[in-house]
Amino acid sequence: MRLWIDHNYGCSTVILCRIYVGLSWLVGAVNRFSGPDLKIDLELYARQQDLVAQILGGVSLNSTSTLIVSTTGWAIGASLILWMILSLRVINSIFYVRARIRLDRGKPVSILPTAAVHLIGVLAVFVLAIMGYVPYLAIFPSVVLLIRMGVGLSPLRRSIQPQAIGIQELGYGILTVILLALAFELEL
């Protein structure tokens, strides 16, 4: 029995919470996600340097995953759990990249907040797996990000350009999506 997918659920209207960076929170019912809407999100997200704005922009863009899997037959609750897992990954990455760039530039930085959000991410997915909402393999991407954080922020790290950090994060994002897809498909 699949607890996270309900193939009998008909999704004609999906309720999404869209968070626009620099604007107030907007909650709306959407029947489809339009391309210009995504472009506005990306433009607003790209202009912001504030931590909160970066987090809200990433979480907002992850809301598209909820819509996509809902239209393929997933229950709304399961879709929102996937959104949460992907949003935790974005938050982890934002904290990591900000700390890593500061360290590579020789600026003082506390690693404690970055370690805390990574541990919260692993713990949240672990609890969801124990409760039966996600497969146990869904924990693996969070653990990979935790290890990445430990190595990347250690004194043994090599200093690299911010562009290289961005490319690495893109790779970790792709790895996360592939592992989550395998976890849900294989029910591991």
N, C-alpha and C. Protein backbone atom coordinates (compact mmCIF):
# COMPACT_ATOMS: atom_id res chain seq x y z
N MET A 1 0.83 -1.18 0.00
CA MET A 1 0.00 0.00 0.00
C MET A 1 0.88 1.24 0.00
N ARG A 2 0.60 2.16 -0.89
CA ARG A 2 1.37 3.39 -0.95
C ARG A 2 0.65 4.45 -0.12
N LEU A 3 1.29 4.90 0.94
CA LEU A 3 0.69 5.91 1.79
C LEU A 3 0.80 7.29 1.20
N TRP A 4 1.74 7.50 0.32
CA TRP A 4 2.03 8.85 -0.15
C TRP A 4 1.43 9.17 -1.51
N ILE A 5 0.83 8.22 -2.20
CA ILE A 5 0.22 8.50 -3.49
C ILE A 5 -1.21 7.97 -3.48
N ASP A 6 -2.14 8.81 -3.85
CA ASP A 6 -3.53 8.41 -3.95
C ASP A 6 -3.96 8.61 -5.40
N HIS A 7 -4.01 7.53 -6.16
CA HIS A 7 -4.32 7.62 -7.59
C HIS A 7 -5.79 7.96 -7.84
N ASN A 8 -6.64 7.87 -6.84
CA ASN A 8 -8.05 8.16 -7.03
C ASN A 8 -8.35 9.64 -6.83
N TYR A 9 -7.37 10.40 -6.46
CA TYR A 9 -7.60 11.81 -6.18
C TYR A 9 -7.62 12.59 -7.48
N GLY A 10 -8.69 13.31 -7.74
CA GLY A 10 -8.78 14.15 -8.92
C GLY A 10 -8.37 15.56 -8.57
N CYS A 11 -7.39 16.09 -9.27
CA CYS A 11 -6.85 17.40 -8.92
C CYS A 11 -7.15 18.40 -10.01
N SER A 12 -8.33 19.04 -9.93
CA SER A 12 -8.64 20.06 -10.92
C SER A 12 -8.17 21.42 -10.45
N THR A 13 -8.19 21.63 -9.14
CA THR A 13 -7.72 22.89 -8.59
C THR A 13 -6.77 22.59 -7.45
N VAL A 14 -5.62 23.16 -7.48
CA VAL A 14 -4.61 22.95 -6.44
C VAL A 14 -4.46 24.24 -5.66
N ILE A 15 -4.54 24.13 -4.34
CA ILE A 15 -4.35 25.31 -3.51
C ILE A 15 -2.87 25.38 -3.16
N LEU A 16 -2.23 26.47 -3.55
CA LEU A 16 -0.80 26.65 -3.28
C LEU A 16 -0.58 27.91 -2.47
N CYS A 17 0.39 27.88 -1.66
CA CYS A 17 0.82 29.09 -0.97
C CYS A 17 2.03 29.61 -1.73
N ARG A 18 1.86 30.72 -2.42
CA ARG A 18 2.94 31.31 -3.22
C ARG A 18 3.55 32.45 -2.42
N ILE A 19 4.81 32.42 -2.23
CA ILE A 19 5.48 33.46 -1.47
C ILE A 19 6.30 34.29 -2.44
N TYR A 20 5.93 35.51 -2.67
CA TYR A 20 6.65 36.36 -3.59
C TYR A 20 7.67 37.19 -2.82
N VAL A 21 8.92 37.13 -3.25
CA VAL A 21 9.99 37.84 -2.58
C VAL A 21 9.80 39.33 -2.79
N GLY A 22 9.87 40.08 -1.71
CA GLY A 22 9.71 41.51 -1.77
C GLY A 22 8.27 41.97 -1.73
N LEU A 23 7.32 41.05 -1.82
CA LEU A 23 5.89 41.37 -1.76
C LEU A 23 5.30 40.69 -0.54
N SER A 24 4.05 40.93 -0.27
CA SER A 24 3.39 40.25 0.84
C SER A 24 3.08 38.81 0.44
N TRP A 25 2.73 37.99 1.42
CA TRP A 25 2.38 36.60 1.14
C TRP A 25 1.05 36.57 0.40
N LEU A 26 0.99 35.73 -0.59
CA LEU A 26 -0.21 35.65 -1.40
C LEU A 26 -0.65 34.19 -1.47
N VAL A 27 -1.86 33.94 -1.03
CA VAL A 27 -2.40 32.58 -1.09
C VAL A 27 -3.48 32.57 -2.16
N GLY A 28 -3.38 31.63 -3.09
CA GLY A 28 -4.36 31.59 -4.16
C GLY A 28 -4.63 30.18 -4.64
N ALA A 29 -5.74 30.04 -5.33
CA ALA A 29 -6.06 28.77 -5.97
C ALA A 29 -5.62 28.88 -7.42
N VAL A 30 -4.87 27.88 -7.89
CA VAL A 30 -4.37 27.89 -9.25
C VAL A 30 -4.78 26.63 -9.97
N ASN A 31 -5.16 26.76 -11.22
CA ASN A 31 -5.46 25.60 -12.05
C ASN A 31 -4.25 25.16 -12.85
N ARG A 32 -3.33 26.08 -13.12
CA ARG A 32 -2.11 25.71 -13.83
C ARG A 32 -1.06 26.75 -13.49
N PHE A 33 0.20 26.39 -13.64
CA PHE A 33 1.31 27.29 -13.36
C PHE A 33 1.80 27.86 -14.68
N SER A 34 1.85 29.17 -14.78
CA SER A 34 2.21 29.80 -16.05
C SER A 34 3.67 30.17 -16.08
N GLY A 35 4.25 30.16 -17.27
CA GLY A 35 5.66 30.51 -17.47
C GLY A 35 6.02 31.90 -17.01
N PRO A 36 5.22 32.95 -17.34
CA PRO A 36 5.56 34.30 -16.88
C PRO A 36 5.61 34.42 -15.37
N ASP A 37 4.76 33.64 -14.68
CA ASP A 37 4.76 33.65 -13.23
C ASP A 37 6.11 33.18 -12.69
N LEU A 38 6.65 32.12 -13.28
CA LEU A 38 7.95 31.61 -12.88
C LEU A 38 9.03 32.64 -13.16
N LYS A 39 8.93 33.35 -14.27
CA LYS A 39 9.92 34.36 -14.61
C LYS A 39 9.92 35.48 -13.59
N ILE A 40 8.75 35.89 -13.14
CA ILE A 40 8.67 36.93 -12.12
C ILE A 40 9.33 36.46 -10.83
N ASP A 41 9.03 35.21 -10.42
CA ASP A 41 9.65 34.66 -9.22
C ASP A 41 11.16 34.68 -9.34
N LEU A 42 11.68 34.23 -10.48
CA LEU A 42 13.13 34.17 -10.67
C LEU A 42 13.75 35.55 -10.65
N GLU A 43 13.10 36.53 -11.27
CA GLU A 43 13.65 37.88 -11.30
C GLU A 43 13.67 38.49 -9.91
N LEU A 44 12.58 38.31 -9.17
CA LEU A 44 12.53 38.84 -7.82
C LEU A 44 13.55 38.14 -6.92
N TYR A 45 13.69 36.82 -7.09
CA TYR A 45 14.63 36.05 -6.29
C TYR A 45 16.07 36.46 -6.60
N ALA A 46 16.37 36.70 -7.87
CA ALA A 46 17.74 37.03 -8.27
C ALA A 46 18.17 38.39 -7.74
N ARG A 47 17.24 39.30 -7.50
CA ARG A 47 17.59 40.64 -7.03
C ARG A 47 17.86 40.70 -5.53
N GLN A 48 17.44 39.71 -4.80
CA GLN A 48 17.51 39.78 -3.35
C GLN A 48 18.82 39.19 -2.82
N GLN A 49 19.38 39.84 -1.80
CA GLN A 49 20.58 39.34 -1.15
C GLN A 49 20.31 38.98 0.31
N ASP A 50 19.15 39.27 0.78
CA ASP A 50 18.77 39.03 2.15
C ASP A 50 18.51 37.54 2.38
N LEU A 51 18.91 37.03 3.54
CA LEU A 51 18.73 35.61 3.85
C LEU A 51 17.26 35.20 3.79
N VAL A 52 16.40 35.97 4.41
CA VAL A 52 14.97 35.63 4.42
C VAL A 52 14.42 35.63 3.00
N ALA A 53 14.82 36.62 2.21
CA ALA A 53 14.34 36.69 0.83
C ALA A 53 14.83 35.49 0.02
N GLN A 54 16.06 35.08 0.23
CA GLN A 54 16.58 33.91 -0.48
C GLN A 54 15.81 32.65 -0.10
N ILE A 55 15.54 32.49 1.19
CA ILE A 55 14.81 31.31 1.65
C ILE A 55 13.38 31.31 1.08
N LEU A 56 12.69 32.44 1.20
CA LEU A 56 11.32 32.50 0.70
C LEU A 56 11.25 32.32 -0.81
N GLY A 57 12.24 32.83 -1.53
CA GLY A 57 12.28 32.64 -2.97
C GLY A 57 12.45 31.18 -3.34
N GLY A 58 13.36 30.49 -2.65
CA GLY A 58 13.57 29.07 -2.91
C GLY A 58 12.37 28.22 -2.57
N VAL A 59 11.74 28.52 -1.45
CA VAL A 59 10.55 27.78 -1.04
C VAL A 59 9.41 28.04 -2.03
N SER A 60 9.29 29.27 -2.49
CA SER A 60 8.27 29.61 -3.47
C SER A 60 8.46 28.83 -4.77
N LEU A 61 9.69 28.77 -5.25
CA LEU A 61 9.95 28.04 -6.49
C LEU A 61 9.71 26.54 -6.31
N ASN A 62 9.93 26.03 -5.11
CA ASN A 62 9.67 24.61 -4.86
C ASN A 62 8.19 24.29 -4.88
N SER A 63 7.33 25.30 -4.77
CA SER A 63 5.90 25.03 -4.78
C SER A 63 5.45 24.42 -6.10
N THR A 64 6.23 24.62 -7.15
CA THR A 64 5.87 24.03 -8.44
C THR A 64 5.90 22.50 -8.36
N SER A 65 6.78 21.95 -7.51
CA SER A 65 6.83 20.50 -7.36
C SER A 65 5.51 19.96 -6.83
N THR A 66 4.88 20.73 -5.93
CA THR A 66 3.58 20.32 -5.39
C THR A 66 2.54 20.24 -6.49
N LEU A 67 2.53 21.23 -7.33
CA LEU A 67 1.57 21.25 -8.44
C LEU A 67 1.82 20.11 -9.42
N ILE A 68 3.08 19.90 -9.77
CA ILE A 68 3.41 18.88 -10.76
C ILE A 68 3.01 17.50 -10.28
N VAL A 69 3.39 17.13 -9.06
CA VAL A 69 3.06 15.78 -8.60
C VAL A 69 1.58 15.64 -8.28
N SER A 70 0.91 16.73 -7.92
CA SER A 70 -0.54 16.66 -7.68
C SER A 70 -1.29 16.36 -8.96
N THR A 71 -0.84 16.94 -10.06
CA THR A 71 -1.52 16.70 -11.33
C THR A 71 -1.25 15.30 -11.87
N THR A 72 -0.26 14.60 -11.32
CA THR A 72 0.00 13.23 -11.76
C THR A 72 -0.66 12.20 -10.86
N GLY A 73 -1.45 12.66 -9.88
CA GLY A 73 -2.20 11.71 -9.07
C GLY A 73 -1.81 11.64 -7.62
N TRP A 74 -0.85 12.42 -7.18
CA TRP A 74 -0.48 12.40 -5.78
C TRP A 74 -1.54 13.13 -4.96
N ALA A 75 -1.74 12.70 -3.74
CA ALA A 75 -2.63 13.40 -2.82
C ALA A 75 -1.98 14.72 -2.42
N ILE A 76 -2.80 15.69 -2.06
CA ILE A 76 -2.29 17.01 -1.69
C ILE A 76 -1.33 16.90 -0.50
N GLY A 77 -1.67 16.11 0.48
CA GLY A 77 -0.80 15.95 1.65
C GLY A 77 0.57 15.41 1.28
N ALA A 78 0.59 14.42 0.41
CA ALA A 78 1.86 13.85 -0.04
C ALA A 78 2.66 14.87 -0.84
N SER A 79 1.97 15.65 -1.65
CA SER A 79 2.63 16.69 -2.44
C SER A 79 3.27 17.74 -1.53
N LEU A 80 2.56 18.10 -0.48
CA LEU A 80 3.09 19.09 0.45
C LEU A 80 4.28 18.54 1.24
N ILE A 81 4.29 17.25 1.52
CA ILE A 81 5.44 16.64 2.18
C ILE A 81 6.66 16.70 1.26
N LEU A 82 6.46 16.41 -0.02
CA LEU A 82 7.56 16.53 -0.98
C LEU A 82 8.06 17.97 -1.05
N TRP A 83 7.15 18.92 -1.05
CA TRP A 83 7.51 20.34 -1.05
C TRP A 83 8.35 20.66 0.17
N MET A 84 7.96 20.12 1.33
CA MET A 84 8.71 20.37 2.56
C MET A 84 10.13 19.82 2.46
N ILE A 85 10.26 18.60 1.95
CA ILE A 85 11.59 17.98 1.84
C ILE A 85 12.47 18.79 0.89
N LEU A 86 11.93 19.18 -0.25
CA LEU A 86 12.71 19.98 -1.19
C LEU A 86 13.01 21.37 -0.64
N SER A 87 12.11 21.93 0.13
CA SER A 87 12.35 23.23 0.75
C SER A 87 13.43 23.14 1.82
N LEU A 88 13.45 22.06 2.57
CA LEU A 88 14.53 21.86 3.55
C LEU A 88 15.88 21.80 2.84
N ARG A 89 15.92 21.16 1.68
CA ARG A 89 17.15 21.09 0.91
C ARG A 89 17.60 22.48 0.47
N VAL A 90 16.65 23.32 0.04
CA VAL A 90 16.98 24.68 -0.38
C VAL A 90 17.52 25.48 0.80
N ILE A 91 16.87 25.37 1.94
CA ILE A 91 17.31 26.11 3.12
C ILE A 91 18.70 25.66 3.53
N ASN A 92 18.94 24.35 3.52
CA ASN A 92 20.28 23.84 3.82
C ASN A 92 21.32 24.42 2.87
N SER A 93 21.00 24.44 1.60
CA SER A 93 21.95 24.94 0.60
C SER A 93 22.22 26.43 0.79
N ILE A 94 21.20 27.20 1.08
CA ILE A 94 21.39 28.64 1.26
C ILE A 94 22.31 28.91 2.45
N PHE A 95 22.05 28.25 3.56
CA PHE A 95 22.91 28.43 4.73
C PHE A 95 24.34 27.98 4.43
N TYR A 96 24.48 26.83 3.76
CA TYR A 96 25.81 26.32 3.45
C TYR A 96 26.58 27.26 2.53
N VAL A 97 25.95 27.70 1.45
CA VAL A 97 26.64 28.55 0.48
C VAL A 97 27.06 29.87 1.12
N ARG A 98 26.18 30.46 1.91
CA ARG A 98 26.53 31.72 2.56
C ARG A 98 27.72 31.54 3.50
N ALA A 99 27.71 30.47 4.29
CA ALA A 99 28.83 30.23 5.22
C ALA A 99 30.10 29.88 4.46
N ARG A 100 29.98 29.07 3.43
CA ARG A 100 31.16 28.66 2.66
C ARG A 100 31.83 29.84 1.98
N ILE A 101 31.05 30.72 1.37
CA ILE A 101 31.62 31.89 0.70
C ILE A 101 32.30 32.80 1.71
N ARG A 102 31.68 32.99 2.87
CA ARG A 102 32.31 33.83 3.90
C ARG A 102 33.63 33.21 4.37
N LEU A 103 33.64 31.90 4.57
CA LEU A 103 34.88 31.24 4.99
C LEU A 103 35.96 31.37 3.93
N ASP A 104 35.60 31.16 2.67
CA ASP A 104 36.58 31.23 1.59
C ASP A 104 37.12 32.64 1.40
N ARG A 105 36.35 33.65 1.80
CA ARG A 105 36.81 35.03 1.71
C ARG A 105 37.54 35.49 2.97
N GLY A 106 37.69 34.59 3.93
CA GLY A 106 38.41 34.93 5.15
C GLY A 106 37.61 35.73 6.15
N LYS A 107 36.32 35.76 6.00
CA LYS A 107 35.46 36.51 6.93
C LYS A 107 35.00 35.59 8.05
N PRO A 108 34.76 36.16 9.23
CA PRO A 108 34.29 35.32 10.34
C PRO A 108 32.87 34.83 10.09
N VAL A 109 32.61 33.62 10.48
CA VAL A 109 31.29 33.03 10.31
C VAL A 109 31.07 31.97 11.38
N SER A 110 29.85 31.90 11.86
CA SER A 110 29.48 30.85 12.80
C SER A 110 28.90 29.68 12.00
N ILE A 111 29.46 28.52 12.22
CA ILE A 111 29.01 27.31 11.51
C ILE A 111 27.79 26.70 12.21
N LEU A 112 27.53 27.11 13.44
CA LEU A 112 26.45 26.54 14.22
C LEU A 112 25.07 26.65 13.55
N PRO A 113 24.64 27.81 13.01
CA PRO A 113 23.33 27.85 12.35
C PRO A 113 23.25 26.92 11.14
N THR A 114 24.34 26.82 10.39
CA THR A 114 24.34 25.93 9.22
C THR A 114 24.23 24.48 9.65
N ALA A 115 24.97 24.11 10.68
CA ALA A 115 24.89 22.74 11.19
C ALA A 115 23.50 22.46 11.74
N ALA A 116 22.91 23.44 12.41
CA ALA A 116 21.58 23.25 13.00
C ALA A 116 20.52 23.01 11.93
N VAL A 117 20.52 23.81 10.85
CA VAL A 117 19.49 23.60 9.82
C VAL A 117 19.70 22.27 9.10
N HIS A 118 20.95 21.84 8.94
CA HIS A 118 21.19 20.54 8.32
C HIS A 118 20.70 19.40 9.22
N LEU A 119 20.96 19.49 10.51
CA LEU A 119 20.49 18.46 11.43
C LEU A 119 18.97 18.45 11.53
N ILE A 120 18.35 19.62 11.51
CA ILE A 120 16.88 19.70 11.52
C ILE A 120 16.31 19.05 10.26
N GLY A 121 16.97 19.26 9.12
CA GLY A 121 16.53 18.65 7.87
C GLY A 121 16.57 17.13 7.93
N VAL A 122 17.68 16.58 8.43
CA VAL A 122 17.80 15.12 8.55
C VAL A 122 16.76 14.59 9.53
N LEU A 123 16.62 15.26 10.66
CA LEU A 123 15.66 14.82 11.68
C LEU A 123 14.23 14.86 11.15
N ALA A 124 13.87 15.92 10.43
CA ALA A 124 12.50 16.04 9.90
C ALA A 124 12.17 14.90 8.94
N VAL A 125 13.08 14.61 8.03
CA VAL A 125 12.83 13.53 7.06
C VAL A 125 12.83 12.17 7.77
N PHE A 126 13.69 12.02 8.77
CA PHE A 126 13.73 10.78 9.54
C PHE A 126 12.39 10.54 10.25
N VAL A 127 11.84 11.59 10.86
CA VAL A 127 10.55 11.47 11.54
C VAL A 127 9.45 11.12 10.54
N LEU A 128 9.47 11.77 9.37
CA LEU A 128 8.47 11.45 8.34
C LEU A 128 8.59 9.99 7.89
N ALA A 129 9.82 9.48 7.81
CA ALA A 129 10.02 8.07 7.42
C ALA A 129 9.50 7.13 8.50
N ILE A 130 9.77 7.44 9.75
CA ILE A 130 9.28 6.60 10.84
C ILE A 130 7.75 6.58 10.86
N MET A 131 7.14 7.73 10.58
CA MET A 131 5.68 7.83 10.57
C MET A 131 5.07 7.16 9.34
N GLY A 132 5.90 6.77 8.36
CA GLY A 132 5.40 6.08 7.18
C GLY A 132 4.98 6.99 6.04
N TYR A 133 5.27 8.28 6.15
CA TYR A 133 4.87 9.22 5.09
C TYR A 133 5.84 9.25 3.92
N VAL A 134 7.08 8.90 4.17
CA VAL A 134 8.09 8.85 3.09
C VAL A 134 8.89 7.57 3.25
N PRO A 135 9.47 7.08 2.16
CA PRO A 135 10.32 5.89 2.27
C PRO A 135 11.62 6.25 3.01
N TYR A 136 12.25 5.24 3.59
CA TYR A 136 13.49 5.47 4.35
C TYR A 136 14.62 5.99 3.47
N LEU A 137 14.63 5.63 2.20
CA LEU A 137 15.67 6.12 1.30
C LEU A 137 15.62 7.64 1.14
N ALA A 138 14.49 8.26 1.45
CA ALA A 138 14.37 9.72 1.36
C ALA A 138 15.26 10.43 2.37
N ILE A 139 15.72 9.71 3.39
CA ILE A 139 16.63 10.29 4.37
C ILE A 139 18.02 10.48 3.77
N PHE A 140 18.40 9.63 2.83
CA PHE A 140 19.76 9.63 2.28
C PHE A 140 20.20 10.98 1.71
N PRO A 141 19.39 11.66 0.89
CA PRO A 141 19.84 12.97 0.38
C PRO A 141 20.15 13.98 1.49
N SER A 142 19.37 13.96 2.56
CA SER A 142 19.63 14.87 3.68
C SER A 142 20.94 14.54 4.37
N VAL A 143 21.24 13.25 4.48
CA VAL A 143 22.50 12.84 5.09
C VAL A 143 23.67 13.24 4.20
N VAL A 144 23.50 13.10 2.88
CA VAL A 144 24.55 13.52 1.94
C VAL A 144 24.83 15.01 2.10
N LEU A 145 23.77 15.82 2.23
CA LEU A 145 23.95 17.26 2.42
C LEU A 145 24.62 17.57 3.75
N LEU A 146 24.32 16.79 4.78
CA LEU A 146 24.96 16.97 6.08
C LEU A 146 26.46 16.68 5.99
N ILE A 147 26.81 15.62 5.30
CA ILE A 147 28.23 15.28 5.11
C ILE A 147 28.92 16.35 4.28
N ARG A 148 28.25 16.82 3.21
CA ARG A 148 28.80 17.90 2.39
C ARG A 148 29.09 19.13 3.23
N MET A 149 28.17 19.46 4.13
CA MET A 149 28.35 20.60 5.00
C MET A 149 29.55 20.40 5.92
N GLY A 150 29.66 19.21 6.50
CA GLY A 150 30.79 18.93 7.39
C GLY A 150 32.13 19.05 6.71
N VAL A 151 32.23 18.51 5.50
CA VAL A 151 33.49 18.57 4.75
C VAL A 151 33.74 19.98 4.21
N GLY A 152 32.69 20.59 3.67
CA GLY A 152 32.84 21.90 3.03
C GLY A 152 33.14 23.03 3.99
N LEU A 153 32.76 22.90 5.24
CA LEU A 153 33.01 23.95 6.22
C LEU A 153 34.13 23.60 7.19
N SER A 154 34.79 22.48 6.95
CA SER A 154 35.89 22.07 7.82
C SER A 154 37.16 22.86 7.50
N PRO A 155 38.11 22.87 8.41
CA PRO A 155 39.38 23.54 8.12
C PRO A 155 40.17 22.86 6.99
N LEU A 156 39.81 21.65 6.62
CA LEU A 156 40.51 20.91 5.57
C LEU A 156 40.01 21.23 4.17
N ARG A 157 38.99 22.08 4.06
CA ARG A 157 38.40 22.39 2.75
C ARG A 157 39.39 23.15 1.88
N ARG A 158 39.20 23.00 0.56
CA ARG A 158 39.96 23.81 -0.40
C ARG A 158 39.13 25.05 -0.70
N SER A 159 39.78 26.17 -0.84
CA SER A 159 39.09 27.39 -1.21
C SER A 159 38.77 27.34 -2.70
N ILE A 160 37.48 27.59 -3.04
CA ILE A 160 37.07 27.56 -4.44
C ILE A 160 36.25 28.81 -4.75
N GLN A 161 36.07 29.08 -6.02
CA GLN A 161 35.30 30.23 -6.47
C GLN A 161 33.81 30.03 -6.16
N PRO A 162 33.09 31.13 -5.91
CA PRO A 162 31.64 31.02 -5.66
C PRO A 162 30.89 30.33 -6.81
N GLN A 163 31.34 30.55 -8.05
CA GLN A 163 30.68 29.90 -9.19
C GLN A 163 30.79 28.38 -9.09
N ALA A 164 31.94 27.90 -8.63
CA ALA A 164 32.13 26.45 -8.48
C ALA A 164 31.22 25.90 -7.37
N ILE A 165 31.04 26.69 -6.33
CA ILE A 165 30.13 26.27 -5.25
C ILE A 165 28.71 26.16 -5.81
N GLY A 166 28.32 27.12 -6.63
CA GLY A 166 27.00 27.10 -7.25
C GLY A 166 26.80 25.88 -8.13
N ILE A 167 27.81 25.53 -8.90
CA ILE A 167 27.72 24.34 -9.76
C ILE A 167 27.63 23.08 -8.92
N GLN A 168 28.40 23.03 -7.83
CA GLN A 168 28.31 21.88 -6.93
C GLN A 168 26.91 21.76 -6.34
N GLU A 169 26.32 22.88 -5.95
CA GLU A 169 24.98 22.85 -5.38
C GLU A 169 23.94 22.40 -6.40
N LEU A 170 24.14 22.79 -7.65
CA LEU A 170 23.26 22.32 -8.71
C LEU A 170 23.33 20.79 -8.80
N GLY A 171 24.54 20.26 -8.71
CA GLY A 171 24.72 18.81 -8.72
C GLY A 171 24.05 18.14 -7.54
N TYR A 172 24.19 18.74 -6.36
CA TYR A 172 23.52 18.17 -5.18
C TYR A 172 22.00 18.24 -5.32
N GLY A 173 21.49 19.29 -5.94
CA GLY A 173 20.06 19.39 -6.18
C GLY A 173 19.55 18.31 -7.11
N ILE A 174 20.30 18.07 -8.17
CA ILE A 174 19.92 17.01 -9.12
C ILE A 174 19.99 15.65 -8.44
N LEU A 175 21.04 15.43 -7.64
CA LEU A 175 21.17 14.17 -6.90
C LEU A 175 20.00 13.98 -5.95
N THR A 176 19.59 15.04 -5.27
CA THR A 176 18.47 14.96 -4.34
C THR A 176 17.19 14.55 -5.06
N VAL A 177 16.91 15.19 -6.18
CA VAL A 177 15.68 14.88 -6.93
C VAL A 177 15.71 13.44 -7.44
N ILE A 178 16.84 12.99 -7.96
CA ILE A 178 16.95 11.61 -8.46
C ILE A 178 16.75 10.61 -7.33
N LEU A 179 17.40 10.84 -6.19
CA LEU A 179 17.26 9.91 -5.07
C LEU A 179 15.84 9.90 -4.50
N LEU A 180 15.22 11.07 -4.44
CA LEU A 180 13.83 11.11 -3.96
C LEU A 180 12.90 10.40 -4.94
N ALA A 181 13.12 10.59 -6.23
CA ALA A 181 12.28 9.91 -7.22
C ALA A 181 12.44 8.39 -7.09
N LEU A 182 13.67 7.93 -6.93
CA LEU A 182 13.91 6.50 -6.76
C LEU A 182 13.26 5.98 -5.46
N ALA A 183 13.40 6.75 -4.40
CA ALA A 183 12.83 6.34 -3.12
C ALA A 183 11.32 6.16 -3.22
N PHE A 184 10.64 7.14 -3.85
CA PHE A 184 9.19 7.04 -3.95
C PHE A 184 8.75 5.98 -4.95
N GLU A 185 9.49 5.83 -6.03
CA GLU A 185 9.10 4.84 -7.05
C GLU A 185 9.34 3.41 -6.57
N LEU A 186 10.50 3.18 -5.93
CA LEU A 186 10.84 1.83 -5.48
C LEU A 186 10.29 1.51 -4.10
N GLU A 187 9.74 2.53 -3.42
CA GLU A 187 9.19 2.37 -2.08
C GLU A 187 10.19 1.78 -1.11
N LEU A 188 11.42 2.30 -1.14
CA LEU A 188 12.48 1.82 -0.25
C LEU A 188 12.59 2.67 0.99
